Amino acid sequence: MPSENAKAVARDIIATVRKGEKVNKGKILRKHGYSKSMSEHPNKVTETDSFKAEINPIVKAMEKERQAILAALPTKRKGASYRDLVDAADKLTKNIQLLTGGKTSNEKVSFGWEE
C-alpha cells in the first residue's frame, strides 16, 4: 500500500531542490508527521517504493538533461558557454545524488598512484 506521507516527503524535497535551497530531510520528515526517531534515519522513508515512485521521474529527466549537456560539451549546447554547461552538469549531478540518496559531499578521490 503506497504511503501518502512518503510521497509528500518526496514532493517537498523536490520543491526544495527546485528552489535551490538546502534539503534537510529530517526536518521535512517531521513536517509530514514522522517521529523524531524516523527523522534521524531518513533512509527508512527515502528507500520506500512510494518515495522512489515520486522521485524517479524527476531523476530520470535530470539524468537525460545531464547526458545531453555532457555530450554537448565539446560543441556547446544551444550556444551556451562551456562554463555554463559545466555548472549545469555539476548541479544536475548533485541534485541527482541528493534525490537518490547518493553522496553529495566532497570525498577524497584516489587515483591509485598517490603515495
Protein backbone atom coordinates (compact mmCIF):
# COMPACT_ATOMS: atom_id res chain seq x y z
CA MET A 1 0.00 0.00 0.00
CA PRO A 2 1.52 3.34 -1.04
CA SER A 3 2.47 5.71 1.73
CA GLU A 4 0.99 9.15 1.19
CA ASN A 5 3.40 10.58 3.79
CA ALA A 6 6.42 9.25 1.88
CA LYS A 7 5.04 10.72 -1.34
CA ALA A 8 4.50 14.07 0.38
CA VAL A 9 8.09 13.99 1.67
CA ALA A 10 9.35 13.32 -1.87
CA ARG A 11 7.31 16.20 -3.31
CA ASP A 12 8.58 18.53 -0.57
CA ILE A 13 12.20 17.52 -1.24
CA ILE A 14 11.71 18.08 -4.99
CA ALA A 15 10.24 21.53 -4.33
CA THR A 16 13.16 22.40 -2.05
CA VAL A 17 15.70 21.30 -4.67
CA ARG A 18 13.91 23.33 -7.35
CA LYS A 19 14.18 26.43 -5.17
CA GLY A 20 17.91 25.79 -4.82
CA GLU A 21 17.62 25.56 -1.05
CA LYS A 22 19.46 23.16 1.23
CA VAL A 23 17.47 20.00 1.88
CA ASN A 24 17.03 18.94 5.49
CA LYS A 25 15.37 15.55 5.15
CA GLY A 26 14.86 15.17 8.90
CA LYS A 27 13.00 18.46 9.12
CA ILE A 28 10.86 17.58 6.11
CA LEU A 29 10.02 14.18 7.60
CA ARG A 30 8.89 15.78 10.87
CA LYS A 31 6.79 18.29 8.91
CA HIS A 32 4.92 15.36 7.36
CA GLY A 33 4.18 13.59 10.62
CA TYR A 34 7.15 11.29 11.04
CA SER A 35 8.59 10.77 14.51
CA LYS A 36 11.91 12.19 15.69
CA SER A 37 13.50 8.74 15.53
CA MET A 38 12.39 8.31 11.90
CA SER A 39 13.64 11.79 11.04
CA GLU A 40 17.08 10.79 12.32
CA HIS A 41 17.11 7.91 9.81
CA PRO A 42 15.51 9.39 6.66
CA ASN A 43 16.67 6.47 4.53
CA LYS A 44 13.86 4.43 6.12
CA VAL A 45 11.49 6.65 4.14
CA THR A 46 13.64 7.54 1.13
CA GLU A 47 14.18 3.86 0.32
CA THR A 48 10.44 3.07 0.17
CA ASP A 49 8.71 2.32 -3.11
CA SER A 50 6.28 5.22 -2.53
CA PHE A 51 9.11 7.74 -2.17
CA LYS A 52 11.00 6.35 -5.17
CA ALA A 53 7.86 6.45 -7.34
CA GLU A 54 7.69 10.23 -6.81
CA ILE A 55 11.43 10.86 -7.17
CA ASN A 56 12.31 8.61 -10.12
CA PRO A 57 10.59 10.60 -12.92
CA ILE A 58 12.42 13.77 -11.84
CA VAL A 59 15.74 11.96 -11.54
CA LYS A 60 15.31 10.36 -14.98
CA ALA A 61 14.64 13.79 -16.52
CA MET A 62 17.71 15.24 -14.78
CA GLU A 63 19.88 12.33 -15.94
CA LYS A 64 18.66 12.78 -19.52
CA GLU A 65 19.46 16.50 -19.45
CA ARG A 66 22.86 15.88 -17.84
CA GLN A 67 23.73 13.37 -20.57
CA ALA A 68 22.73 15.88 -23.26
CA ILE A 69 24.91 18.54 -21.60
CA LEU A 70 27.88 16.21 -21.27
CA ALA A 71 27.52 15.13 -24.90
CA ALA A 72 27.31 18.78 -25.98
CA LEU A 73 30.32 20.00 -24.02
CA PRO A 74 32.70 19.64 -26.95
CA THR A 75 30.37 21.55 -29.30
CA LYS A 76 28.42 23.65 -26.77
CA ARG A 77 24.71 23.13 -26.20
CA LYS A 78 22.46 25.72 -27.88
CA GLY A 79 25.07 28.48 -27.72
CA ALA A 80 25.74 28.14 -24.01
CA SER A 81 29.22 28.83 -22.72
CA TYR A 82 31.45 25.97 -21.66
CA ARG A 83 31.40 27.31 -18.07
CA ASP A 84 27.60 27.35 -18.00
CA LEU A 85 27.43 23.79 -19.31
CA VAL A 86 29.90 22.51 -16.73
CA ASP A 87 28.00 24.37 -13.98
CA ALA A 88 24.69 22.86 -15.14
CA ALA A 89 26.15 19.34 -15.27
CA ASP A 90 27.60 19.80 -11.78
CA LYS A 91 24.30 20.99 -10.31
CA LEU A 92 22.33 18.24 -12.01
CA THR A 93 24.76 15.63 -10.71
CA LYS A 94 24.49 16.92 -7.14
CA ASN A 95 20.70 17.09 -7.31
CA ILE A 96 20.50 13.57 -8.73
CA GLN A 97 22.75 12.34 -5.92
CA LEU A 98 20.66 14.21 -3.35
CA LEU A 99 17.35 12.87 -4.64
CA THR A 100 18.58 9.28 -4.91
CA GLY A 101 20.39 9.20 -1.57
CA GLY A 102 23.89 9.34 -3.03
CA LYS A 103 26.84 11.17 -1.50
CA THR A 104 26.78 14.93 -2.07
CA SER A 105 29.83 15.96 -0.08
CA ASN A 106 33.38 16.13 -1.29
CA GLU A 107 35.06 12.78 -0.96
CA LYS A 108 38.73 12.01 -1.36
CA VAL A 109 39.34 10.55 -4.77
CA SER A 110 42.15 8.02 -5.04
CA PHE A 111 43.79 7.53 -8.38
CA GLY A 112 45.94 4.68 -7.17
CA TRP A 113 49.23 6.36 -7.98
CA GLU A 114 49.48 8.65 -4.96
CA GLU A 115 51.63 7.71 -2.03
